[in-house]
Protein backbone atom coordinates (compact mmCIF):
# COMPACT_ATOMS: atom_id res chain seq x y z
CA MET A 1 0.00 0.00 0.00
CA ALA A 2 1.31 3.39 -0.93
CA ARG A 3 2.22 5.59 1.97
CA PRO A 4 0.46 8.95 2.26
CA GLY A 5 2.34 11.68 0.48
CA LYS A 6 2.14 14.23 -2.25
CA LYS A 7 0.55 12.74 -5.33
CA LYS A 8 1.56 13.39 -8.88
CA PRO A 9 -0.74 15.80 -10.72
CA ASN A 10 -3.78 14.03 -12.13
CA ALA A 11 -3.58 14.10 -15.94
CA SER A 12 -7.32 14.50 -16.39
CA LYS A 13 -7.38 17.33 -13.88
CA VAL A 14 -4.54 19.10 -15.73
CA TRP A 15 -6.32 18.87 -19.08
CA ARG A 16 -9.60 19.97 -17.53
CA ALA A 17 -7.84 22.96 -15.98
CA LEU A 18 -6.40 23.87 -19.40
CA LEU A 19 -9.86 23.60 -20.96
CA LEU A 20 -11.29 25.74 -18.17
CA TRP A 21 -8.63 28.43 -18.54
CA LEU A 22 -9.08 28.52 -22.32
CA HIS A 23 -12.80 28.97 -21.72
CA ILE A 24 -12.21 31.78 -19.20
CA VAL A 25 -9.73 33.64 -21.41
CA ALA A 26 -11.93 33.34 -24.49
CA ALA A 27 -15.04 34.41 -22.57
CA VAL A 28 -13.32 37.48 -21.13
CA CYS A 29 -12.03 38.40 -24.61
CA TRP A 30 -15.51 37.95 -26.06
CA MET A 31 -17.05 40.18 -23.40
CA GLY A 32 -14.32 42.83 -23.75
CA GLN A 33 -14.48 42.85 -27.52
CA ALA A 34 -18.30 43.13 -27.49
CA LEU A 35 -17.97 46.09 -25.11
CA ALA A 36 -15.39 47.68 -27.42
CA VAL A 37 -17.68 47.23 -30.44
CA THR A 38 -20.53 48.81 -28.49
CA VAL A 39 -18.38 51.84 -27.59
CA LEU A 40 -17.21 52.26 -31.20
CA LEU A 41 -20.80 52.11 -32.48
CA ILE A 42 -21.87 54.73 -29.93
CA ILE A 43 -18.99 57.01 -30.94
CA SER A 44 -19.93 56.67 -34.61
CA ALA A 45 -23.61 57.32 -33.90
CA THR A 46 -22.83 60.51 -31.95
CA SER A 47 -20.15 61.85 -34.29
CA ALA A 48 -20.61 64.31 -37.09
CA ALA A 49 -19.98 63.33 -40.67
CA GLY A 50 -16.33 62.73 -41.33
CA ASP A 51 -13.43 60.41 -40.76
CA LEU A 52 -14.30 59.67 -37.11
CA LYS A 53 -17.80 58.46 -37.98
CA ILE A 54 -16.48 56.32 -40.83
CA GLY A 55 -13.39 55.08 -38.99
CA THR A 56 -15.25 53.93 -35.90
CA ILE A 57 -17.80 52.02 -37.98
CA LEU A 58 -15.03 50.34 -39.97
CA ALA A 59 -13.08 49.56 -36.78
CA SER A 60 -16.13 48.06 -35.09
CA ASP A 61 -16.86 45.99 -38.20
CA LEU A 62 -13.26 44.73 -38.28
CA LEU A 63 -13.40 43.84 -34.59
CA ASP A 64 -16.79 42.19 -34.90
CA GLN A 65 -16.20 40.27 -38.10
CA LYS A 66 -12.50 39.40 -37.88
CA ILE A 67 -11.73 39.04 -34.17
CA LEU A 68 -14.79 38.75 -31.95
CA GLY A 69 -16.10 35.68 -33.74
CA TYR A 70 -13.06 33.60 -32.80
CA SER A 71 -13.30 34.37 -29.10
CA ALA A 72 -17.08 33.81 -29.14
CA ILE A 73 -16.83 30.40 -30.78
CA THR A 74 -13.93 29.33 -28.56
CA ALA A 75 -15.68 30.47 -25.37
CA ALA A 76 -18.95 28.80 -26.33
CA TRP A 77 -17.58 25.44 -27.42
CA THR A 78 -15.11 25.11 -24.53
CA GLY A 79 -18.04 25.85 -22.21
CA PHE A 80 -20.04 23.11 -23.89
CA GLY A 81 -17.03 20.85 -23.48
CA LEU A 82 -16.84 21.52 -19.74
CA SER A 83 -20.53 20.67 -19.35
CA THR A 84 -20.01 17.47 -21.32
CA THR A 85 -16.91 16.26 -19.48
CA THR A 86 -17.86 17.07 -15.88
CA THR A 87 -20.80 16.12 -13.67
CA TRP A 88 -22.39 19.54 -14.25
CA GLY A 89 -24.20 18.44 -17.38
CA TYR A 90 -26.29 21.01 -19.27
CA PHE A 91 -29.67 20.99 -17.54
CA ARG A 92 -29.03 19.91 -13.94
CA SER A 93 -28.17 23.24 -12.32
CA ARG A 94 -30.08 26.42 -13.10
CA TRP A 95 -26.95 28.53 -13.49
CA VAL A 96 -25.44 26.11 -16.02
CA THR A 97 -28.68 25.93 -18.01
CA THR A 98 -28.92 29.74 -17.95
CA LYS A 99 -25.36 30.06 -19.27
CA PHE A 100 -26.05 27.53 -22.01
CA VAL A 101 -29.20 29.33 -23.21
CA MET A 102 -27.54 32.76 -22.96
CA THR A 103 -24.53 31.60 -24.97
CA ILE A 104 -26.72 30.39 -27.82
CA ALA A 105 -28.77 33.61 -27.68
CA GLN A 106 -25.64 35.80 -27.66
CA ILE A 107 -24.16 34.09 -30.72
CA LEU A 108 -27.45 34.33 -32.64
CA THR A 109 -27.92 37.97 -31.65
CA GLY A 110 -24.40 38.92 -32.65
CA THR A 111 -24.56 37.22 -36.05
CA SER A 112 -28.17 37.81 -37.10
CA VAL A 113 -28.59 41.38 -35.81
CA ALA A 114 -25.26 43.16 -35.49
CA GLY A 115 -23.40 41.29 -38.22
CA ALA A 116 -26.20 41.71 -40.73
CA ALA A 117 -26.41 45.46 -40.07
CA TYR A 118 -22.84 46.37 -41.01
CA PRO A 119 -23.15 46.71 -44.83
CA GLN A 120 -25.94 49.27 -44.37
CA LEU A 121 -24.10 51.04 -41.50
CA GLU A 122 -20.90 51.39 -43.53
CA ALA A 123 -22.74 52.78 -46.54
CA ALA A 124 -24.58 55.30 -44.37
CA SER A 125 -21.39 56.44 -42.63
CA LEU A 126 -19.75 57.19 -45.99
CA ASP A 127 -22.68 59.53 -46.65
CA GLY A 128 -22.16 61.13 -43.23
CA LYS A 129 -25.33 59.58 -41.82
CA ASN A 130 -26.30 57.03 -39.20
CA GLY A 131 -27.73 53.86 -40.63
CA ALA A 132 -31.34 53.04 -39.77
CA SER A 133 -30.25 49.95 -37.80
CA ILE A 134 -27.42 51.51 -35.77
CA LEU A 135 -29.49 51.75 -32.59
CA LEU A 136 -30.53 48.12 -32.94
CA ALA A 137 -26.89 47.12 -33.49
CA ILE A 138 -25.77 49.06 -30.40
CA ILE A 139 -28.45 47.37 -28.29
CA ALA A 140 -27.64 43.91 -29.69
CA VAL A 141 -23.88 44.11 -29.15
CA GLY A 142 -24.40 45.83 -25.78
CA LEU A 143 -26.59 42.92 -24.69
CA VAL A 144 -23.87 40.50 -25.77
CA ALA A 145 -21.35 42.37 -23.60
CA ALA A 146 -23.77 42.58 -20.65
CA GLY A 147 -24.58 38.90 -21.08
CA GLY A 148 -20.90 38.07 -20.84
CA ALA A 149 -20.59 40.01 -17.60
CA PHE A 150 -23.66 38.26 -16.19
CA GLN A 151 -22.21 34.88 -17.14
CA VAL A 152 -19.09 35.74 -15.14
CA PHE A 153 -21.34 36.39 -12.15
CA LEU A 154 -23.10 33.05 -12.67
CA SER A 155 -19.81 31.16 -12.90
CA VAL A 156 -18.55 32.68 -9.65
CA SER A 157 -21.72 32.56 -7.52
CA LYS A 158 -23.43 29.45 -8.99
CA PRO A 159 -26.88 30.52 -7.75
CA TRP A 160 -30.40 29.06 -7.79
CA GLY A 161 -29.69 25.40 -7.06
CA ARG A 162 -30.79 22.44 -9.20
CA THR A 163 -33.40 22.31 -11.94
CA ARG A 164 -36.31 19.88 -11.84
CA TRP A 165 -34.29 17.65 -14.12
CA GLY A 166 -31.37 17.89 -11.70
CA HIS A 167 -33.54 16.96 -8.72
CA ARG A 168 -35.03 14.07 -10.67
CA ALA A 169 -31.59 12.86 -11.78
CA GLN A 170 -30.37 12.93 -8.19
CA THR A 171 -33.02 10.37 -7.27
CA ARG A 172 -32.44 7.94 -10.15
CA GLY A 173 -29.32 6.19 -8.96
CA ALA A 174 -26.94 5.13 -11.72
CA GLU A 175 -29.42 6.30 -14.36
CA GLY A 176 -29.07 9.83 -13.02
CA ARG A 177 -25.35 9.98 -12.49
CA LEU A 178 -22.86 11.65 -14.82
CA ALA A 179 -19.30 10.37 -14.78
CA PRO A 180 -16.35 12.68 -15.50
CA ALA A 181 -14.94 12.10 -18.98
CA PRO A 182 -11.69 10.16 -19.54
CA THR A 183 -8.47 12.11 -19.89
CA LEU A 184 -8.23 11.57 -23.65
CA VAL A 185 -11.67 13.09 -24.21
CA VAL A 186 -10.89 16.19 -22.14
CA ALA A 187 -7.54 16.60 -23.89
CA GLY A 188 -9.25 16.12 -27.24
CA LEU A 189 -11.73 18.92 -26.57
CA PHE A 190 -8.96 21.31 -25.54
CA LEU A 191 -6.85 20.52 -28.60
CA ALA A 192 -9.91 20.65 -30.89
CA ALA A 193 -10.59 24.22 -29.76
CA LEU A 194 -7.02 25.20 -30.62
CA VAL A 195 -7.23 23.47 -34.01
CA ASP A 196 -10.50 25.26 -34.83
CA LEU A 197 -8.90 28.56 -33.84
CA ALA A 198 -5.94 27.91 -36.13
CA ILE A 199 -8.17 26.82 -39.04
CA GLY A 200 -10.34 29.91 -38.57
CA LEU A 201 -7.36 32.24 -38.64
CA VAL A 202 -6.15 30.65 -41.89
CA THR A 203 -9.53 30.55 -43.65
CA GLY A 204 -10.93 33.74 -42.13
CA ILE A 205 -14.08 31.89 -41.04
CA PRO A 206 -14.48 31.00 -37.31
CA LEU A 207 -16.25 27.62 -37.39
CA PRO A 208 -16.18 25.02 -34.57
CA SER A 209 -16.09 22.01 -36.90
CA VAL A 210 -13.46 19.95 -35.06
CA SER A 211 -14.82 20.96 -31.65
CA THR A 212 -18.34 19.91 -32.64
CA ALA A 213 -17.10 16.50 -33.77
CA MET A 214 -15.20 16.10 -30.51
CA LEU A 215 -18.30 17.09 -28.52
CA VAL A 216 -20.22 14.31 -30.24
CA VAL A 217 -17.46 11.86 -29.27
CA ALA A 218 -17.58 13.13 -25.67
CA LEU A 219 -21.36 12.72 -25.49
CA VAL A 220 -21.11 9.17 -26.84
CA VAL A 221 -18.41 8.32 -24.28
CA ARG A 222 -20.57 9.80 -21.51
CA ARG A 223 -23.57 7.76 -22.65
CA ARG A 224 -21.53 4.57 -22.65
CA ALA A 225 -20.13 5.34 -19.19
CA ARG A 226 -23.64 5.90 -17.89
CA THR A 227 -24.81 2.61 -19.40
CA ARG A 228 -21.86 0.90 -17.71
CA LEU A 229 -22.83 2.45 -14.35
CA ILE A 230 -26.39 1.21 -14.71
CA ALA A 231 -25.18 -2.30 -15.60
CA THR A 232 -22.77 -2.30 -12.65
CA ASP A 233 -25.51 -1.25 -10.25
CA ALA A 234 -27.85 -3.88 -11.62
CA ALA A 235 -25.20 -6.58 -11.24
CA ALA A 236 -24.59 -5.48 -7.68
CA GLY A 237 -28.25 -5.67 -6.77
CA GLY A 238 -29.63 -2.39 -7.90
CA GLY A 239 -27.34 0.31 -6.60
CA ARG A 240 -27.84 2.65 -3.70
CA SER A 241 -29.29 5.92 -4.85
CA ALA A 242 -31.07 8.46 -2.73
CA ALA A 243 -34.43 7.36 -4.02
CA ASP A 244 -33.91 3.81 -5.21
CA ARG A 245 -32.76 2.15 -2.04
CA GLY A 246 -35.32 -0.58 -2.34
CA SER A 247 -33.09 -3.34 -3.68
CA VAL A 248 -31.38 -5.42 -1.09
CA GLY A 249 -27.61 -4.99 -0.96
CA SER A 250 -25.41 -7.94 -1.75
CA THR A 251 -25.26 -10.45 1.11
CA ARG A 252 -22.68 -12.70 -0.49
CA VAL A 253 -19.69 -13.17 1.79
CA LEU A 254 -16.32 -13.76 0.15
CA ASP A 255 -13.33 -15.44 1.73
CA GLY A 256 -10.85 -12.64 2.27
CA VAL A 257 -7.38 -12.07 3.62
CA VAL A 258 -5.54 -9.14 5.16
CA ALA A 259 -3.17 -8.36 2.29
CA ALA A 260 -1.39 -5.42 3.98
CA ARG A 261 -1.32 -3.81 7.41
CA THR A 262 0.08 -0.37 8.23
CA GLN A 263 -0.04 0.91 11.79
CA LEU A 264 -0.36 4.69 11.52
CA THR A 265 -0.49 5.51 15.25
CA ASP A 266 -0.73 3.66 18.54
CA SER A 267 -4.48 3.34 18.07
CA LEU A 268 -4.96 3.56 14.29
CA VAL A 269 -4.32 0.86 11.72
CA GLN A 270 -4.83 0.84 7.95
CA LEU A 271 -5.71 -2.49 6.34
CA ARG A 272 -6.01 -3.72 2.80
CA VAL A 273 -8.31 -6.73 2.54
CA ALA A 274 -8.35 -8.75 -0.66
CA VAL A 275 -10.23 -11.76 -1.98
CA ALA A 276 -8.36 -14.87 -0.87
CA ASP A 277 -8.24 -16.48 -4.32
CA GLY A 278 -6.80 -13.34 -5.92
CA SER A 279 -9.87 -12.38 -7.92
CA PRO A 280 -10.70 -8.67 -8.21
CA VAL A 281 -12.93 -7.04 -5.62
CA SER A 282 -16.32 -5.65 -6.60
CA GLU A 283 -16.65 -2.17 -8.06
CA TRP A 284 -17.65 0.57 -5.65
CA GLU A 285 -18.31 4.29 -5.56
CA PRO A 286 -17.39 6.99 -3.01
CA GLY A 287 -19.41 6.64 0.17
CA ALA A 288 -19.47 2.83 0.11
CA HIS A 289 -18.61 0.52 2.98
CA ILE A 290 -17.98 -3.19 3.45
CA ASP A 291 -18.75 -5.74 6.15
CA LEU A 292 -15.79 -7.46 7.76
CA LEU A 293 -16.59 -10.85 9.25
CA LEU A 294 -13.98 -11.47 11.92
CA PRO A 295 -12.56 -14.80 13.13
CA SER A 296 -14.60 -14.44 16.34
CA GLY A 297 -17.83 -14.21 14.36
CA LYS A 298 -18.28 -10.47 14.94
CA VAL A 299 -19.38 -8.37 11.96
CA ARG A 300 -18.31 -4.75 11.60
CA GLN A 301 -18.81 -2.13 8.88
CA TYR A 302 -16.00 0.11 7.62
CA SER A 303 -15.95 2.89 5.02
CA LEU A 304 -13.78 2.41 1.96
CA HIS A 305 -11.18 5.12 1.37
CA GLY A 306 -8.93 3.82 -1.39
CA ASP A 307 -9.12 4.31 -5.13
CA PRO A 308 -12.44 3.04 -6.60
CA GLU A 309 -10.56 2.09 -9.77
CA ASP A 310 -8.20 -0.20 -7.80
CA ARG A 311 -9.74 -3.67 -7.96
CA GLY A 312 -6.88 -5.34 -6.11
CA GLY A 313 -8.43 -4.92 -2.66
CA PHE A 314 -10.42 -2.76 -0.27
CA ASP A 315 -8.68 -0.16 1.92
CA VAL A 316 -10.11 0.56 5.38
CA SER A 317 -8.80 2.25 8.53
CA VAL A 318 -9.74 1.22 12.05
CA VAL A 319 -9.40 3.03 15.37
CA ARG A 320 -8.81 0.78 18.37
CA GLU A 321 -11.54 1.54 20.88
CA ALA A 322 -10.68 0.12 24.29
CA GLU A 323 -14.20 0.84 25.57
CA GLY A 324 -15.96 -0.50 22.48
CA ARG A 325 -17.65 -3.83 21.83
CA GLY A 326 -14.42 -5.61 20.98
CA GLY A 327 -14.56 -5.60 17.19
CA SER A 328 -12.08 -2.78 16.68
CA ILE A 329 -9.60 -4.41 19.06
CA GLU A 330 -9.83 -7.70 17.19
CA ILE A 331 -9.35 -5.99 13.81
CA PHE A 332 -6.49 -3.87 15.16
CA ASP A 333 -4.66 -7.04 16.20
CA LEU A 334 -5.07 -8.84 12.86
CA ALA A 335 -1.78 -9.58 11.14
CA GLU A 336 -1.05 -9.76 7.43
CA GLY A 337 -2.38 -13.02 6.09
CA ALA A 338 -5.23 -13.24 8.61
CA LYS A 339 -8.46 -14.61 7.18
CA VAL A 340 -11.63 -12.50 7.21
CA GLY A 341 -14.98 -12.55 5.46
CA ILE A 342 -15.88 -9.69 3.12
CA GLY A 343 -19.48 -8.61 2.59
CA GLY A 344 -20.66 -5.90 0.23
CA PRO A 345 -19.76 -3.29 -0.79
CA ARG A 346 -22.93 -1.28 -0.13
CA ASN A 347 -23.52 2.46 -0.38
CA ASN A 348 -25.96 4.25 1.94
CA PHE A 349 -24.01 7.50 1.58
CA PRO A 350 -24.07 8.24 -2.17
CA LEU A 351 -22.40 11.23 -3.75
CA VAL A 352 -24.97 13.43 -5.49
CA ASN A 353 -24.65 16.27 -8.00
CA ALA A 354 -24.60 19.79 -6.54
CA PRO A 355 -23.26 23.25 -7.41
CA ARG A 356 -20.86 23.19 -4.44
CA TYR A 357 -19.84 20.82 -1.66
CA LEU A 358 -18.85 21.22 1.97
CA PHE A 359 -17.33 18.18 3.67
CA VAL A 360 -17.15 18.11 7.47
CA ALA A 361 -15.09 15.29 8.98
CA GLY A 362 -14.43 14.34 12.55
CA GLY A 363 -11.55 11.96 13.30
CA ILE A 364 -11.87 8.62 11.55
CA GLY A 365 -14.93 9.98 9.71
CA ILE A 366 -12.52 11.30 7.09
CA THR A 367 -12.35 7.78 5.61
CA ALA A 368 -15.91 8.03 4.29
CA LEU A 369 -15.35 11.50 2.81
CA LYS A 370 -11.88 11.17 1.28
CA PRO A 371 -12.97 9.30 -1.89
CA MET A 372 -15.80 11.79 -2.33
CA LEU A 373 -13.68 14.92 -2.29
CA GLU A 374 -11.14 13.25 -4.57
CA ALA A 375 -13.92 12.44 -7.06
CA ILE A 376 -15.35 15.96 -6.85
CA ASP A 377 -11.91 17.49 -7.32
CA HIS A 378 -11.27 15.19 -10.28
CA ALA A 379 -14.53 16.42 -11.81
CA GLY A 380 -13.41 20.03 -11.40
CA GLN A 381 -16.26 21.03 -9.08
CA PRO A 382 -15.86 23.43 -6.13
CA TRP A 383 -15.55 21.97 -2.63
CA GLN A 384 -14.19 22.62 0.83
CA LEU A 385 -13.22 20.28 3.67
CA ILE A 386 -13.35 21.11 7.37
CA TYR A 387 -11.50 18.37 9.25
CA ARG A 388 -11.45 18.24 13.05
CA GLY A 389 -9.76 15.77 15.37
CA ARG A 390 -8.47 15.39 18.90
CA THR A 391 -4.79 15.60 17.99
CA ARG A 392 -3.08 16.28 14.69
CA VAL A 393 -1.02 13.09 14.93
CA GLY A 394 -4.18 11.04 15.36
CA MET A 395 -5.97 12.45 12.30
CA PRO A 396 -5.70 10.05 9.32
CA PHE A 397 -4.61 11.58 6.01
CA ALA A 398 -4.30 15.09 7.50
CA ASP A 399 -0.83 15.72 6.09
CA GLU A 400 -1.68 14.17 2.72
CA LEU A 401 -4.85 16.23 2.30
CA SER A 402 -3.36 19.53 3.46
CA THR A 403 -0.42 19.06 1.07
CA GLN A 404 -2.49 18.02 -1.92
CA TYR A 405 -5.32 20.53 -1.45
CA PRO A 406 -3.88 23.47 0.53
CA ASP A 407 -6.57 25.93 -0.60
CA GLN A 408 -9.56 23.70 0.06
CA VAL A 409 -8.72 21.88 3.29
CA SER A 410 -8.99 23.35 6.79
CA ILE A 411 -7.56 21.10 9.52
CA SER A 412 -7.80 21.77 13.24
CA ALA A 413 -6.91 19.68 16.30
CA ALA A 414 -8.83 20.10 19.55
CA ASP A 415 -5.65 20.12 21.65
CA ALA A 416 -4.12 23.04 19.75
CA ASP A 417 -6.64 24.90 17.60
CA ALA A 418 -9.91 26.77 18.01
CA ARG A 419 -13.13 25.24 16.77
CA PRO A 420 -13.79 25.85 13.08
CA ASN A 421 -16.46 28.42 12.24
CA LEU A 422 -19.12 26.22 10.65
CA ASP A 423 -21.63 29.07 10.38
CA ALA A 424 -19.24 31.06 8.20
CA ALA A 425 -18.66 28.05 5.96
CA LEU A 426 -22.39 27.34 5.65
CA ALA A 427 -23.26 30.98 4.98
CA GLY A 428 -20.88 31.06 2.02
CA LEU A 429 -22.59 28.21 0.17
CA PRO A 430 -24.93 28.94 -2.75
CA ASP A 431 -28.47 27.56 -2.85
CA GLY A 432 -28.65 23.85 -3.60
CA SER A 433 -25.22 23.07 -2.17
CA VAL A 434 -24.69 19.77 -0.38
CA VAL A 435 -23.03 19.22 2.99
CA TYR A 436 -21.54 15.81 3.80
CA CYS A 437 -20.62 15.01 7.38
CA CYS A 438 -19.11 11.96 9.03
CA GLY A 439 -17.75 11.91 12.55
CA PRO A 440 -18.90 11.83 16.17
CA SER A 441 -22.65 11.93 16.75
CA SER A 442 -22.34 15.25 18.58
CA MET A 443 -20.76 16.85 15.50
CA MET A 444 -23.40 15.52 13.14
CA ASP A 445 -26.29 16.43 15.45
CA SER A 446 -24.95 19.97 15.85
CA LEU A 447 -24.53 20.40 12.10
CA ASP A 448 -28.01 18.97 11.48
CA GLU A 449 -29.49 21.50 13.90
CA LYS A 450 -27.62 24.40 12.31
CA ILE A 451 -28.74 23.52 8.79
CA SER A 452 -32.35 22.74 9.80
CA ASN A 453 -32.77 26.02 11.65
CA GLY A 454 -30.67 28.44 9.65
CA TYR A 455 -29.85 27.11 6.19
CA PRO A 456 -32.92 25.48 4.59
CA ASN A 457 -31.36 26.04 1.15
CA LEU A 458 -28.71 23.38 1.89
CA THR A 459 -28.97 19.59 1.97
CA LEU A 460 -27.19 17.56 4.65
CA HIS A 461 -26.03 13.96 4.24
CA VAL A 462 -24.51 12.14 7.22
CA GLU A 463 -22.86 8.75 7.72
CA ARG A 464 -23.08 7.43 11.26
CA PHE A 465 -20.78 4.88 12.86
CA ALA A 466 -23.14 4.45 15.81
CA ALA A 467 -26.93 4.39 15.87
CA THR A 468 -28.87 7.28 17.34
CA ALA A 469 -30.72 6.70 20.59
CA ARG A 470 -34.29 5.47 20.09
CA ASP A 471 -37.29 5.38 22.40
CA ASP A 472 -38.93 1.97 22.10
CA SER A 473 -41.34 2.50 25.01
CA GLN A 474 -44.19 3.44 22.65
CA ASN A 475 -43.76 0.50 20.28
CA ARG A 476 -47.00 -0.99 18.99
CA PRO A 477 -47.49 -4.49 17.60
CA PHE A 478 -48.29 -4.90 13.93
CA LYS A 479 -48.45 -7.58 11.26
CA VAL A 480 -46.39 -8.19 8.13
CA PHE A 481 -47.75 -10.02 5.10
CA LEU A 482 -45.30 -11.67 2.69
CA PRO A 483 -47.04 -12.24 -0.69
CA GLN A 484 -44.31 -14.50 -2.05
CA THR A 485 -44.76 -17.07 0.72
CA GLY A 486 -48.30 -16.25 1.86
CA GLU A 487 -47.08 -15.87 5.45
CA LEU A 488 -48.67 -13.42 7.90
CA VAL A 489 -46.12 -12.58 10.59
CA ASP A 490 -46.90 -11.01 13.98
CA VAL A 491 -44.41 -8.37 15.17
CA PRO A 492 -44.85 -7.83 18.92
CA ALA A 493 -44.00 -4.53 20.59
CA ASP A 494 -40.87 -5.92 22.22
CA LYS A 495 -39.40 -7.52 19.10
CA SER A 496 -37.99 -6.09 15.87
CA ALA A 497 -39.62 -6.75 12.53
CA LEU A 498 -36.41 -8.41 11.31
CA ASP A 499 -36.29 -10.86 14.21
CA SER A 500 -39.98 -11.66 13.74
CA LEU A 501 -39.58 -12.23 10.01
CA ARG A 502 -36.67 -14.58 10.64
CA SER A 503 -39.07 -16.97 12.31
CA VAL A 504 -40.36 -17.81 8.81
CA LEU A 505 -37.40 -16.64 6.72
CA PRO A 506 -34.28 -17.46 8.75
CA GLU A 507 -31.91 -16.44 5.93
CA LEU A 508 -33.01 -12.80 5.79
CA PRO A 509 -29.86 -10.65 5.63
CA GLY A 510 -28.84 -8.34 8.45
CA SER A 511 -25.54 -7.14 9.83
CA CYS A 512 -25.40 -4.22 12.26
CA GLU A 513 -29.08 -4.57 13.26
CA THR A 514 -28.97 -1.00 14.56
CA GLY A 515 -30.16 0.81 11.43
CA ILE A 516 -26.87 2.09 10.03
CA CYS A 517 -25.54 -0.49 7.53
CA GLY A 518 -28.55 -1.07 5.26
CA SER A 519 -28.03 -4.79 4.75
CA CYS A 520 -31.56 -5.72 5.87
CA GLU A 521 -33.28 -3.38 3.40
CA MET A 522 -36.71 -4.53 2.15
CA ARG A 523 -39.22 -3.22 -0.35
CA VAL A 524 -42.58 -2.08 1.01
CA LEU A 525 -45.50 -3.01 -1.23
CA ALA A 526 -48.29 -1.59 0.95
CA GLY A 527 -48.61 0.24 4.23
CA ARG A 528 -46.66 3.08 5.83
CA PRO A 529 -43.35 2.22 7.48
CA GLU A 530 -42.20 4.18 10.53
CA HIS A 531 -38.58 4.91 9.72
CA ARG A 532 -36.17 4.77 12.65
CA ASP A 533 -32.96 4.07 10.77
CA ASP A 534 -29.94 6.33 10.27
CA ILE A 535 -29.79 5.68 6.52
CA LEU A 536 -32.66 7.65 5.01
CA THR A 537 -32.33 11.41 5.17
CA ALA A 538 -34.87 13.65 6.90
CA ALA A 539 -36.32 14.54 3.50
CA GLU A 540 -36.95 10.82 2.86
CA GLY A 541 -38.81 10.29 6.12
CA ASP A 542 -42.18 9.90 4.38
CA ARG A 543 -41.07 7.26 1.91
CA THR A 544 -43.35 4.25 1.67
CA ASP A 545 -41.37 2.08 -0.75
CA VAL A 546 -38.55 0.84 1.48
CA MET A 547 -37.75 0.08 5.12
CA TYR A 548 -34.99 -1.31 7.33
CA PRO A 549 -36.79 -3.85 9.54
CA CYS A 550 -33.98 -4.21 12.07
CA VAL A 551 -35.17 -0.96 13.72
CA SER A 552 -38.07 0.47 11.71
CA ARG A 553 -41.68 -0.39 12.44
CA SER A 554 -45.13 0.33 10.98
CA LYS A 555 -47.54 3.24 11.30
CA ASP A 556 -50.35 0.95 10.13
CA PRO A 557 -51.64 -2.32 11.60
CA LEU A 558 -50.44 -4.16 8.47
CA LEU A 559 -47.38 -3.89 6.24
CA VAL A 560 -46.89 -5.82 3.01
CA LEU A 561 -43.21 -6.53 2.29
CA ASP A 562 -41.43 -8.04 -0.70
CA ALA A 563 -39.35 -10.90 0.68
């Protein structure tokens, strides 16, 4: 296992940065040139007959016809390329959709209104007059310049949150996800823009022919990647999206082995577990976790923090808890070569599309968030990490993250630093942003309260290592009907639905049995479940299509479950 340290620059990230900078430079030039054309047209319109009136019209025509077109085409098609190669898409965030529509409108306005007016404007200026369409041309080019300035504002502030399409995509699992494009595609779009620019300068006609062809290639690659994601989710049992959590996670347990062990501190160990026969591990996405079945028979869940593309094994980190239930101590003491069972992976903590991300980690909670922020950074989307721990030496990956992302990571240790200002971080997020938190229950509860009471425009996702306290004193009995077997099962007030169902279906899956791992997930066919798990978000509390019977119960006397 590679030791933490400064990583080499990611090739895809470098090419995406080049594409982004070409887009920014071209867009600024487009805006500046449109402003210059507007000023020249105004000067001509307000000047008396003579060389100044003629010269400013000719200069504006030269700028509009021979220079502005290149920057406009380059800015537009590199912007389209960024939407195609990142998880932004075109119609998922309102600010991106607005920019897309404005770009098309600006190009059409500039060519059909201003460009078409120049022959008549030049002829009129030679006669010492203003052409009949000069006011329309000034307004059209002025709107192009103003539109460019407004697009700069949109790019910086990213306002207004997600579109309906974006909200719908967020709830469709693999069908709704957009994967960042491969490095070759991003590089191809950047180089295509330069080739089009060179061809345009030679021919005198700014046309995005090569860029358009490359955009088609990028869209095809994206479509194939999406199809692959859907197939992967289906093979794994249906995926784990925010709204399609109804399919039971994989319960197959593989024979595994501790392939590598690195003790990071006196109480922290990093393990790589691999399949014993050497076959590749299952694919997974950021936010996923696995079950480890220990030699003692204990089962524990641990977040994956390695590279999702690395199929050689799963990487997990474990803190030795002397006052815990014994699982962490047993795992901490495992040596290389020790045999373990591997269940999963499952993902109850999926990464969703958003205009901006704030990650808040406490201690070992960084393991669940690290693959997420790496994926978001790879996609070129804005993010920030606030990472808090007891001591700097006991904070996994602190040095690696602060070195690799110095401008985005804020690290503080309780024994040396003041508490981070979460309110300031939350207040700086645009509407529709997503906050991910994993750490001690007190941290997550505090953040939940802050967002619920003061920042309703944000969405919070949490991953808990321990179940929240539940009051079972008001439990009521209910019945569960299983259509596939015809069984009607009584669930008494002092027994969980999962335990009751196991009286007729002893092989029903279940691991933590505290409502945090998701392995017991079942589809609800009728009735209203009373959700008591720590998997569904607060916004999903009224869902009637899924439940976790290890802790959840029923609001109705009868539930119908698919089992």
